[in-house]
Protein backbone atom coordinates (compact mmCIF):
# COMPACT_ATOMS: atom_id res chain seq x y z
CA MET A 1 4.03 -13.82 3.85
CA ASN A 2 2.52 -11.34 1.43
CA ASN A 3 3.11 -7.62 1.76
CA LEU A 4 -0.15 -6.38 0.30
CA THR A 5 -0.97 -2.74 -0.25
CA CYS A 6 -3.80 -1.03 1.62
CA ASP A 7 -5.83 -1.15 -1.60
CA ASP A 8 -5.13 -4.91 -1.97
CA ILE A 9 -6.47 -5.46 1.54
CA ARG A 10 -9.62 -3.38 0.89
CA GLN A 11 -10.29 -5.18 -2.40
CA THR A 12 -9.83 -8.61 -0.81
CA MET A 13 -12.15 -7.67 2.03
CA GLN A 14 -14.81 -6.55 -0.47
CA THR A 15 -14.85 -10.15 -1.71
CA GLY A 16 -15.76 -11.38 1.78
CA ALA A 17 -12.35 -11.81 3.40
CA THR A 18 -11.77 -11.25 7.10
CA LEU A 19 -8.86 -9.12 8.25
CA LEU A 20 -7.64 -10.77 11.45
CA ASP A 21 -5.42 -9.03 14.00
CA VAL A 22 -3.86 -11.60 16.36
CA ARG A 23 -2.20 -9.10 18.70
CA ASN A 24 -3.43 -8.72 22.27
CA THR A 25 -6.49 -6.61 23.01
CA ASP A 26 -4.52 -3.62 24.30
CA GLU A 27 -2.40 -3.49 21.14
CA PHE A 28 -5.52 -3.77 18.99
CA ASN A 29 -7.35 -1.02 20.89
CA ASN A 30 -4.32 1.26 20.57
CA SER A 31 -4.07 0.92 16.79
CA CYS A 32 -5.47 -1.41 14.16
CA LEU A 33 -6.13 -1.66 10.46
CA PRO A 34 -9.59 -0.54 9.32
CA ASP A 35 -12.31 -3.19 9.72
CA ALA A 36 -10.00 -5.71 11.39
CA LYS A 37 -11.31 -8.32 13.81
CA ASN A 38 -9.26 -9.06 16.88
CA ILE A 39 -8.71 -12.58 18.14
CA PRO A 40 -5.53 -12.65 20.25
CA LEU A 41 -3.18 -15.47 19.32
CA ALA A 42 -3.45 -17.05 22.79
CA ILE A 43 -7.18 -17.70 22.35
CA LEU A 44 -7.29 -18.19 18.56
CA PRO A 45 -7.58 -22.01 18.75
CA VAL A 46 -10.63 -21.65 21.02
CA LEU A 47 -12.46 -18.89 19.14
CA ALA A 48 -11.53 -19.51 15.50
CA HIS A 49 -14.55 -21.68 14.63
CA GLU A 50 -16.89 -19.35 16.50
CA ARG A 51 -15.74 -16.09 14.87
CA LEU A 52 -14.44 -17.13 11.44
CA GLN A 53 -15.84 -19.09 8.52
CA LYS A 54 -13.68 -22.08 7.59
CA ASN A 55 -13.80 -21.54 3.81
CA ASP A 56 -13.74 -17.73 3.72
CA PRO A 57 -10.48 -15.94 3.01
CA VAL A 58 -8.64 -14.71 6.11
CA LEU A 59 -5.82 -12.14 6.05
CA ILE A 60 -3.74 -12.32 9.25
CA TYR A 61 -1.44 -9.70 10.73
CA CYS A 62 0.22 -8.82 14.04
CA GLN A 63 2.85 -6.31 15.17
CA SER A 64 5.95 -7.67 13.46
CA GLY A 65 4.69 -10.74 11.59
CA SER A 66 5.87 -13.51 13.95
CA ARG A 67 2.51 -14.11 15.67
CA ALA A 68 0.83 -14.05 12.26
CA ILE A 69 3.05 -16.96 11.16
CA ILE A 70 1.93 -18.98 14.18
CA ALA A 71 -1.73 -17.99 13.64
CA GLU A 72 -1.53 -19.08 10.01
CA LYS A 73 -0.32 -22.54 11.11
CA ILE A 74 -3.02 -22.77 13.79
CA LEU A 75 -5.82 -21.94 11.35
CA ALA A 76 -4.46 -24.38 8.75
CA SER A 77 -4.36 -27.13 11.38
CA LEU A 78 -8.00 -26.35 12.23
CA GLY A 79 -9.01 -26.85 8.60
CA PHE A 80 -9.21 -23.26 7.39
CA THR A 81 -8.57 -23.34 3.67
CA ASP A 82 -7.82 -19.77 2.56
CA VAL A 83 -5.43 -18.15 5.04
CA THR A 84 -2.85 -15.51 4.12
CA ASN A 85 -0.25 -14.04 6.45
CA ILE A 86 0.16 -10.39 5.44
CA GLY A 87 2.84 -9.62 8.02
CA GLY A 88 3.15 -6.89 10.59
CA MET A 89 1.65 -3.49 11.30
CA ALA A 90 4.91 -1.82 10.23
CA HIS A 91 4.07 -2.67 6.61
CA TYR A 92 0.70 -0.94 6.88
CA GLN A 93 1.32 2.13 9.03
CA ASN A 94 -0.06 4.38 6.30
CA CYS A 95 -3.45 2.63 6.34
CA HIS A 96 -4.04 1.96 10.03
CA GLN A 97 -6.57 3.72 12.18
CA SER A 98 -6.25 4.64 15.81
């Protein structure tokens, strides 16, 4: 897990990365990081290929970091090649939007 700064996230996204929030829809709608996509962990295996590019960088987060760990393993098993678990929302409270 990498605890990136808000600036690190923005810079990585400018290079074409996707910021992926794997919390449930209600959590995402309540608060999320700017420009994040939401694919809840429960449906990630079904929607990953439809909503993400296999070779593009993906930064994953959730509330505490535990779902992000699982999501990282799921994406790796599906053949995604550039996946980074950045942890939980608590690390990024200063850069989230509501």
